[in-house]
Protein backbone atom coordinates (compact mmCIF):
# COMPACT_ATOMS: atom_id res chain seq x y z
CA UNK A 1 -15.01 12.38 18.34
CA UNK A 2 -15.72 12.92 14.65
CA UNK A 3 -14.36 16.46 14.96
CA UNK A 4 -11.07 15.10 16.30
CA UNK A 5 -10.85 12.63 13.43
CA UNK A 6 -11.38 15.36 10.84
CA UNK A 7 -8.74 17.60 12.43
CA UNK A 8 -6.18 14.80 12.68
CA UNK A 9 -6.67 13.77 9.04
CA UNK A 10 -5.62 17.25 7.96
CA UNK A 11 -2.31 16.75 9.77
CA UNK A 12 -1.54 13.85 7.42
CA UNK A 13 -1.32 16.15 4.42
CA UNK A 14 -4.83 15.83 3.00
CA UNK A 15 -6.92 18.88 3.96
CA UNK A 16 -10.51 17.71 3.83
CA UNK A 17 -12.92 19.18 1.28
CA UNK A 18 -16.13 20.35 2.90
CA UNK A 19 -18.28 17.40 1.65
CA UNK A 20 -15.79 14.84 2.97
CA UNK A 21 -15.49 16.51 6.34
CA UNK A 22 -19.29 16.81 6.57
CA UNK A 23 -19.69 13.09 5.84
CA UNK A 24 -17.09 12.12 8.45
CA UNK A 25 -18.76 14.33 11.05
CA UNK A 26 -22.23 13.00 10.27
CA UNK A 27 -21.82 9.21 10.06
CA UNK A 28 -21.63 7.48 13.48
CA UNK A 29 -18.49 5.38 12.95
CA UNK A 30 -18.83 3.60 16.28
CA UNK A 31 -22.14 2.03 15.21
CA UNK A 32 -20.26 0.23 12.43
CA UNK A 33 -17.73 -1.14 14.94
CA UNK A 34 -19.74 -2.90 17.65
CA UNK A 35 -16.75 -5.15 18.42
CA UNK A 36 -14.83 -2.30 20.11
CA UNK A 37 -15.46 0.66 22.40
CA UNK A 38 -16.51 4.01 20.86
CA UNK A 39 -13.09 5.42 21.75
CA UNK A 40 -11.37 2.60 19.86
CA UNK A 41 -13.73 3.02 16.90
CA UNK A 42 -12.58 6.64 16.43
CA UNK A 43 -8.87 6.01 17.08
CA UNK A 44 -6.45 6.23 14.18
CA UNK A 45 -6.21 2.49 13.85
CA UNK A 46 -7.98 -0.37 12.10
CA UNK A 47 -10.92 -2.21 13.62
CA UNK A 48 -10.70 -5.97 13.24
CA UNK A 49 -13.80 -7.51 11.66
CA UNK A 50 -12.80 -11.10 10.85
CA UNK A 51 -9.80 -13.43 10.98
CA UNK A 52 -9.25 -16.64 9.04
CA UNK A 53 -9.16 -20.03 10.74
CA UNK A 54 -5.38 -19.63 10.81
CA UNK A 55 -5.58 -16.27 12.58
CA UNK A 56 -4.81 -14.00 9.62
CA UNK A 57 -6.79 -10.79 9.28
CA UNK A 58 -9.12 -11.03 6.29
CA UNK A 59 -11.50 -8.11 6.97
CA UNK A 60 -11.05 -4.81 8.79
CA UNK A 61 -12.51 -1.33 9.04
CA UNK A 62 -9.65 0.85 7.80
CA UNK A 63 -8.21 3.61 9.94
CA UNK A 64 -10.22 6.85 9.53
CA UNK A 65 -7.30 8.87 8.18
CA UNK A 66 -6.72 6.32 5.39
CA UNK A 67 -10.43 6.35 4.54
CA UNK A 68 -10.41 10.14 4.39
CA UNK A 69 -7.33 10.06 2.19
CA UNK A 70 -9.03 7.75 -0.32
CA UNK A 71 -12.14 9.95 -0.36
CA UNK A 72 -10.00 12.99 -1.14
CA UNK A 73 -8.28 11.03 -3.92
CA UNK A 74 -11.66 10.04 -5.36
CA UNK A 75 -13.22 13.52 -5.56
CA UNK A 76 -16.77 12.13 -5.42
CA UNK A 77 -19.67 14.36 -6.40
CA UNK A 78 -23.44 14.33 -6.07
CA UNK A 79 -25.27 11.93 -8.36
CA UNK A 80 -22.31 9.65 -9.04
CA UNK A 81 -22.50 5.87 -9.28
CA UNK A 82 -19.87 4.22 -7.07
CA UNK A 83 -18.72 0.63 -6.64
CA UNK A 84 -16.86 -0.26 -3.45
CA UNK A 85 -14.71 -3.41 -3.53
CA UNK A 86 -14.33 -4.72 0.03
CA UNK A 87 -17.34 -4.18 2.23
CA UNK A 88 -17.61 -3.12 5.85
CA UNK A 89 -20.53 -0.74 5.80
CA UNK A 90 -18.99 2.41 7.22
CA UNK A 91 -17.07 3.46 4.11
CA UNK A 92 -20.16 2.76 2.00
CA UNK A 93 -22.16 5.10 4.24
CA UNK A 94 -19.59 7.86 3.66
CA UNK A 95 -19.85 7.24 -0.08
CA UNK A 96 -23.64 7.44 0.16
CA UNK A 97 -23.42 10.82 1.87
CA UNK A 98 -21.14 12.10 -0.88
CA UNK A 99 -23.24 10.91 -3.84
CA UNK A 100 -26.50 12.08 -2.25
CA UNK A 101 -30.04 10.88 -3.05
CA UNK A 102 -29.48 11.09 -6.81
CA UNK A 103 -26.40 8.84 -6.66
CA UNK A 104 -26.01 5.11 -6.18
CA UNK A 105 -23.54 3.08 -4.09
CA UNK A 106 -22.85 -0.64 -4.47
CA UNK A 107 -20.57 -2.33 -1.95
CA UNK A 108 -19.35 -5.88 -2.55
CA UNK A 109 -17.32 -8.53 -0.77
CA UNK A 110 -16.59 -12.21 -1.38
CA UNK A 111 -17.31 -13.13 2.27
CA UNK A 112 -20.98 -13.61 3.17
CA UNK A 113 -20.26 -12.96 6.87
CA UNK A 114 -18.79 -9.58 5.97
CA UNK A 115 -21.63 -8.53 3.68
CA UNK A 116 -24.25 -9.71 6.20
CA UNK A 117 -22.60 -7.56 8.86
CA UNK A 118 -22.40 -4.58 6.47
CA UNK A 119 -26.08 -4.91 5.52
CA UNK A 120 -27.15 -4.97 9.18
CA UNK A 121 -25.02 -1.92 10.07
CA UNK A 122 -26.20 0.09 7.06
CA UNK A 123 -29.85 -0.64 7.79
CA UNK A 124 -29.45 0.21 11.47
CA UNK A 125 -27.81 3.58 10.71
CA UNK A 126 -30.20 4.75 8.03
CA UNK A 127 -28.52 3.73 4.75
CA UNK A 128 -30.88 1.10 3.28
CA UNK A 129 -30.34 2.58 -0.21
CA UNK A 130 -26.78 1.17 -0.37
CA UNK A 131 -26.79 -2.09 -2.34
CA UNK A 132 -24.74 -4.86 -0.71
CA UNK A 133 -23.52 -7.70 -2.96
CA UNK A 134 -21.79 -10.97 -2.12
CA UNK A 135 -19.54 -11.86 -5.07
CA UNK A 136 -15.93 -12.13 -6.20
CA UNK A 137 -14.80 -8.61 -7.10
CA UNK A 138 -12.40 -9.96 -9.73
CA UNK A 139 -15.43 -9.77 -12.05
CA UNK A 140 -16.78 -6.46 -10.75
CA UNK A 141 -20.57 -5.99 -10.68
CA UNK A 142 -22.12 -5.39 -14.10
CA UNK A 143 -25.67 -4.72 -12.93
CA UNK A 144 -24.99 -1.12 -11.85
CA UNK A 145 -22.17 -0.27 -14.27
CA UNK A 146 -20.80 1.96 -15.60
CA UNK A 147 -19.34 3.49 -12.44
CA UNK A 148 -18.06 7.01 -12.04
CA UNK A 149 -15.83 5.79 -9.22
CA UNK A 150 -14.53 2.36 -8.23
CA UNK A 151 -13.24 2.45 -4.66
CA UNK A 152 -11.08 -0.51 -3.67
CA UNK A 153 -10.68 -0.95 0.08
CA UNK A 154 -8.70 -4.20 0.07
CA UNK A 155 -5.12 -4.69 -1.05
CA UNK A 156 -5.02 -5.49 -4.77
CA UNK A 157 -2.09 -7.14 -6.52
CA UNK A 158 -3.51 -6.45 -9.98
CA UNK A 159 -6.31 -4.55 -11.69
CA UNK A 160 -8.66 -7.00 -13.43
CA UNK A 161 -10.13 -6.15 -16.85
CA UNK A 162 -13.66 -5.99 -15.39
CA UNK A 163 -12.82 -2.88 -13.39
CA UNK A 164 -11.62 -1.01 -16.46
CA UNK A 165 -14.56 -2.25 -18.52
CA UNK A 166 -17.12 -1.19 -15.90
CA UNK A 167 -15.54 2.24 -15.36
CA UNK A 168 -17.27 5.22 -16.97
CA UNK A 169 -15.28 6.98 -19.68
CA UNK A 170 -14.37 9.86 -17.37
CA UNK A 171 -14.34 7.67 -14.25
CA UNK A 172 -11.69 7.12 -11.61
CA UNK A 173 -10.39 4.07 -9.74
CA UNK A 174 -8.89 4.48 -6.27
CA UNK A 175 -7.01 1.31 -5.40
CA UNK A 176 -4.36 0.18 -2.88
CA UNK A 177 -2.09 -1.44 -5.45
CA UNK A 178 0.73 -3.74 -4.33
CA UNK A 179 3.92 -3.42 -6.34
CA UNK A 180 6.86 -5.63 -5.35
CA UNK A 181 5.43 -5.81 -1.85
CA UNK A 182 4.93 -2.05 -1.48
CA UNK A 183 1.36 -0.74 -1.39
CA UNK A 184 0.24 2.70 -2.50
CA UNK A 185 -3.29 4.00 -2.76
CA UNK A 186 -3.44 5.25 -6.34
CA UNK A 187 -6.08 7.48 -7.90
CA UNK A 188 -6.20 6.37 -11.54
CA UNK A 189 -7.98 7.89 -14.53
CA UNK A 190 -8.31 6.55 -18.06
CA UNK A 191 -6.24 7.94 -20.92
CA UNK A 192 -6.97 6.11 -24.18
CA UNK A 193 -6.09 2.45 -23.56
CA UNK A 194 -4.50 2.73 -20.10
CA UNK A 195 -4.86 4.29 -16.64
CA UNK A 196 -2.62 7.02 -15.23
CA UNK A 197 -2.12 8.13 -11.63
CA UNK A 198 -3.24 11.48 -10.25
CA UNK A 199 -2.04 10.95 -6.68
CA UNK A 200 -0.57 8.36 -4.36
CA UNK A 201 -0.82 7.70 -0.63
CA UNK A 202 1.01 5.43 1.77
CA UNK A 203 -1.31 2.77 3.15
CA UNK A 204 -1.76 -0.85 4.15
CA UNK A 205 -4.78 -3.11 3.56
CA UNK A 206 -5.67 -6.76 4.06
CA UNK A 207 -5.08 -8.63 0.80
CA UNK A 208 -7.82 -9.46 -1.65
CA UNK A 209 -9.33 -12.94 -1.62
CA UNK A 210 -10.79 -15.02 -4.43
CA UNK A 211 -9.53 -14.99 -8.01
CA UNK A 212 -7.60 -11.77 -7.40
CA UNK A 213 -5.54 -13.19 -4.54
CA UNK A 214 -1.80 -13.47 -5.04
CA UNK A 215 0.66 -15.12 -2.68
CA UNK A 216 4.21 -13.92 -2.29
CA UNK A 217 7.13 -16.31 -2.79
CA UNK A 218 8.93 -16.70 0.55
CA UNK A 219 12.54 -17.86 0.89
CA UNK A 220 13.30 -18.83 4.51
CA UNK A 221 16.79 -18.34 5.94
CA UNK A 222 18.21 -19.55 9.27
CA UNK A 223 15.31 -21.92 9.83
CA UNK A 224 12.25 -19.70 9.77
CA UNK A 225 13.82 -16.74 11.59
CA UNK A 226 14.39 -14.65 8.44
CA UNK A 227 12.20 -14.63 5.37
CA UNK A 228 12.71 -12.92 2.00
CA UNK A 229 9.35 -12.21 0.40
CA UNK A 230 9.27 -11.80 -3.38
CA UNK A 231 5.98 -10.32 -4.60
CA UNK A 232 6.62 -9.84 -8.33
CA UNK A 233 9.13 -12.33 -9.66
CA UNK A 234 11.33 -14.74 -7.71
CA UNK A 235 14.87 -16.02 -7.41
CA UNK A 236 15.80 -18.21 -10.37
CA UNK A 237 17.71 -20.59 -8.08
CA UNK A 238 16.46 -20.02 -4.53
CA UNK A 239 18.71 -22.70 -3.03
CA UNK A 240 21.76 -20.55 -3.80
CA UNK A 241 20.99 -18.66 -0.57
CA UNK A 242 21.25 -21.78 1.60
CA UNK A 243 23.46 -21.02 4.59
CA UNK A 244 24.01 -17.41 3.53
CA UNK A 245 23.52 -16.06 7.07
CA UNK A 246 26.47 -18.15 8.28
CA UNK A 247 28.79 -15.74 6.47
CA UNK A 248 30.18 -12.61 8.10
CA UNK A 249 28.10 -9.52 7.23
CA UNK A 250 29.62 -6.74 5.19
CA UNK A 251 28.44 -3.19 5.88
CA UNK A 252 28.41 -0.24 3.48
CA UNK A 253 27.43 3.31 4.40
CA UNK A 254 26.04 6.04 2.19
CA UNK A 255 26.80 9.31 3.93
CA UNK A 256 23.06 10.12 3.50
CA UNK A 257 21.46 11.15 6.79
CA UNK A 258 17.90 11.69 7.99
CA UNK A 259 16.28 12.55 11.29
CA UNK A 260 14.45 9.69 12.98
CA UNK A 261 11.14 11.50 12.45
CA UNK A 262 11.69 12.28 8.76
CA UNK A 263 9.47 10.35 6.33
CA UNK A 264 11.01 8.78 3.26
CA UNK A 265 8.11 7.06 1.44
CA UNK A 266 9.75 7.16 -1.98
CA UNK A 267 13.00 5.46 -1.01
CA UNK A 268 11.61 1.89 -0.98
CA UNK A 269 9.74 2.61 -4.21
CA UNK A 270 12.97 3.79 -5.81
CA UNK A 271 14.78 0.68 -4.57
CA UNK A 272 12.00 -1.53 -5.96
CA UNK A 273 12.24 0.24 -9.31
CA UNK A 274 16.01 0.27 -9.62
CA UNK A 275 17.31 -2.84 -7.85
CA UNK A 276 16.99 -6.29 -9.44
CA UNK A 277 15.92 -8.92 -6.92
CA UNK A 278 14.11 -6.43 -4.67
CA UNK A 279 12.20 -8.13 -1.87
CA UNK A 280 10.86 -7.55 1.62
CA UNK A 281 12.61 -9.07 4.61
CA UNK A 282 10.73 -10.31 7.66
CA UNK A 283 12.34 -11.33 10.93
CA UNK A 284 10.74 -13.76 13.37
CA UNK A 285 12.31 -13.73 16.84
CA UNK A 286 9.95 -15.27 19.39
CA UNK A 287 11.42 -15.13 22.86
CA UNK A 288 14.17 -12.76 21.75
CA UNK A 289 16.08 -15.37 19.73
CA UNK A 290 18.99 -14.22 17.58
CA UNK A 291 17.72 -14.06 13.97
CA UNK A 292 21.23 -14.06 12.55
CA UNK A 293 21.21 -10.52 11.15
CA UNK A 294 22.98 -7.49 12.58
CA UNK A 295 22.67 -3.72 12.77
CA UNK A 296 24.95 -1.14 14.30
CA UNK A 297 24.51 -0.44 18.02
CA UNK A 298 21.63 1.98 18.36
CA UNK A 299 20.68 1.44 14.71
CA UNK A 300 18.16 -0.85 13.08
CA UNK A 301 17.35 -2.80 9.94
CA UNK A 302 14.52 -2.09 7.52
CA UNK A 303 12.44 -4.66 5.64
CA UNK A 304 13.68 -3.55 2.22
CA UNK A 305 16.24 -5.91 0.70
CA UNK A 306 17.62 -7.22 -2.55
CA UNK A 307 18.85 -10.71 -3.42
CA UNK A 308 21.26 -11.36 -6.28
CA UNK A 309 22.30 -14.95 -6.98
CA UNK A 310 24.06 -16.30 -3.86
CA UNK A 311 23.98 -13.09 -1.78
CA UNK A 312 21.58 -10.53 -0.36
CA UNK A 313 21.60 -7.25 1.55
CA UNK A 314 19.09 -5.10 3.40
CA UNK A 315 18.68 -1.40 4.16
CA UNK A 316 19.82 -0.31 7.61
CA UNK A 317 20.71 2.81 9.61
CA UNK A 318 23.24 3.75 12.28
CA UNK A 319 23.40 6.72 14.65
CA UNK A 320 25.59 9.70 13.88
CA UNK A 321 27.15 12.32 16.12
CA UNK A 322 24.08 14.50 15.69
CA UNK A 323 21.25 13.90 18.14
CA UNK A 324 18.33 12.10 16.48
CA UNK A 325 20.16 11.86 13.15
CA UNK A 326 20.93 8.54 11.49
CA UNK A 327 22.82 7.44 8.38
CA UNK A 328 21.51 5.05 5.75
CA UNK A 329 23.54 2.01 4.89
CA UNK A 330 23.21 -1.68 4.11
CA UNK A 331 24.38 -5.03 5.48
CA UNK A 332 25.20 -7.78 3.00
CA UNK A 333 25.60 -11.55 3.34
CA UNK A 334 27.07 -14.20 1.09
CA UNK A 335 30.07 -14.35 -1.27
CA UNK A 336 29.03 -11.10 -2.93
CA UNK A 337 27.28 -9.51 0.05
CA UNK A 338 29.57 -6.48 0.03
CA UNK A 339 28.77 -5.74 -3.62
CA UNK A 340 25.02 -6.11 -3.05
CA UNK A 341 25.22 -3.82 0.00
CA UNK A 342 27.12 -1.25 -2.07
CA UNK A 343 24.43 -1.43 -4.76
CA UNK A 344 21.80 -0.50 -2.16
CA UNK A 345 23.99 2.35 -0.91
CA UNK A 346 24.52 3.69 -4.44
CA UNK A 347 20.76 3.79 -5.00
CA UNK A 348 20.22 5.54 -1.66
CA UNK A 349 22.66 8.18 -2.88
CA UNK A 350 20.78 8.54 -6.18
CA UNK A 351 17.49 8.90 -4.27
CA UNK A 352 19.06 11.55 -2.04
CA UNK A 353 20.47 13.48 -5.01
CA UNK A 354 17.57 13.25 -7.46
CA UNK A 355 14.29 12.38 -5.72
CA UNK A 356 14.39 13.10 -2.00
CA UNK A 357 11.66 15.56 -1.10
CA UNK A 358 10.61 15.73 -4.74
CA UNK A 359 7.34 15.09 -6.51
CA UNK A 360 7.51 11.32 -6.27
CA UNK A 361 6.92 8.86 -9.10
CA UNK A 362 3.89 8.58 -11.32
CA UNK A 363 2.22 5.31 -12.21
CA UNK A 364 0.45 3.93 -15.24
CA UNK A 365 -1.51 0.72 -15.68
CA UNK A 366 -1.45 -0.87 -19.13
CA UNK A 367 -3.19 -3.99 -20.44
CA UNK A 368 -0.61 -6.76 -20.26
CA UNK A 369 -0.59 -7.17 -24.05
CA UNK A 370 -0.24 -3.44 -24.80
CA UNK A 371 3.13 -1.68 -25.32
CA UNK A 372 4.03 0.38 -22.27
CA UNK A 373 5.63 3.79 -22.79
CA UNK A 374 8.28 4.04 -20.06
CA UNK A 375 10.69 6.99 -19.61
CA UNK A 376 14.37 6.16 -19.00
CA UNK A 377 14.10 6.63 -15.21
CA UNK A 378 11.32 4.11 -14.87
CA UNK A 379 10.49 0.48 -14.35
CA UNK A 380 7.92 -2.07 -15.45
CA UNK A 381 6.17 -4.63 -13.24
CA UNK A 382 4.36 -7.35 -15.17
CA UNK A 383 1.32 -8.90 -13.54
CA UNK A 384 -1.41 -11.26 -14.74
CA UNK A 385 -3.70 -8.70 -16.38
CA UNK A 386 -1.58 -5.56 -16.51
CA UNK A 387 1.83 -4.02 -16.68
CA UNK A 388 2.52 -1.28 -14.13
CA UNK A 389 5.00 1.43 -15.05
CA UNK A 390 6.70 3.54 -12.40
CA UNK A 391 8.15 6.75 -13.83
CA UNK A 392 10.40 9.10 -11.89
CA UNK A 393 10.11 12.82 -12.60
CA UNK A 394 12.40 15.39 -14.08
CA UNK A 395 12.77 18.74 -12.38
CA UNK A 396 9.60 20.82 -12.53
CA UNK A 397 7.17 17.90 -12.69
CA UNK A 398 3.97 18.65 -10.70
CA UNK A 399 4.01 16.71 -7.43
CA UNK A 400 1.73 13.91 -6.35
CA UNK A 401 0.16 14.56 -2.99
CA UNK A 402 1.06 11.79 -0.60
CA UNK A 403 0.97 10.69 3.03
CA UNK A 404 4.17 9.30 4.53
CA UNK A 405 5.25 7.40 7.63
CA UNK A 406 8.27 8.41 9.77
CA UNK A 407 11.14 6.18 10.83
CA UNK A 408 9.87 4.18 13.82
CA UNK A 409 11.44 5.11 17.15
CA UNK A 410 13.75 2.63 18.87
């Protein structure tokens, strides 16, 4: 089973270095997932560890391909000191294999149930040397700092000062960072007073708890059937969207086509960078109820949207005459829905012309009180502790390696 996992991970665009592949083959993943069958433990899916009293996932074992991707991003060597934020046990055992007997691994989590489970699994599988800590990771763990690598395996909205302070001078942070509702696993290294990205990967993680938690602002439309989720920033006057779905939708089409299996991971990032009011749209239709939004017959909507004053629009696709080929467009609602839909379409066209299939953006993380150097084709996201800059490349810029997801089938 471990052989199959290693082979499949390579298909996702991250050929495995020999030490990473050896660790994946050696560690018995199924022993860290007693809640499921061995077959399910090795499947390319998460393993649920714990839900909140309201049913929300708060702890999982990440899918093996995502874990392998983060290990490749980290480039961990023998003798390193590593801090893992978000504990499950299995990932810490992989880290322990990579650092060897001369290295040191600390894994921490805010939830005592999670750390107790991790400790039991690590002891049972022969990794008693891994230190397990129950604490809020917002403050890191000073006792074993400085760290050559800080591996974050929960979704982070920000990067707290403690992580930078506890990182060795030549160290690296690998973190699933959420930016306007879009998460990318970033490998970050220090340059002077800030961190810069070496690579990015598409991923999804349960959100961080404790002091580092951050709730999105949700604007509900048509009862609770449609929600607009604003992760960084919010509508100045959210009530201006009251009743917006009662208006007739206005469609705009870009002329930009893709196959249904073609990945486009940078398009939502470009929209988030370039469009004011960018948000994520969720649709709740229990029992097949009409949510009040439309898409062309045979097409579909995407969760990427933008709201501007009293109107909003979302990314959509429609079939073309070519088999398996669809065209990007947008549907807009409200008094200025057509203009907002056209703004999305214009940015799809810019993405197609300048960035499609290209290197992808680079990221930098600056202290919130430091001036951020941003190229013209870039954007700034201000958070509590940091400012994140997203910079889009000129021709000839070395690419970031990345893993992408295809358009879901109908």
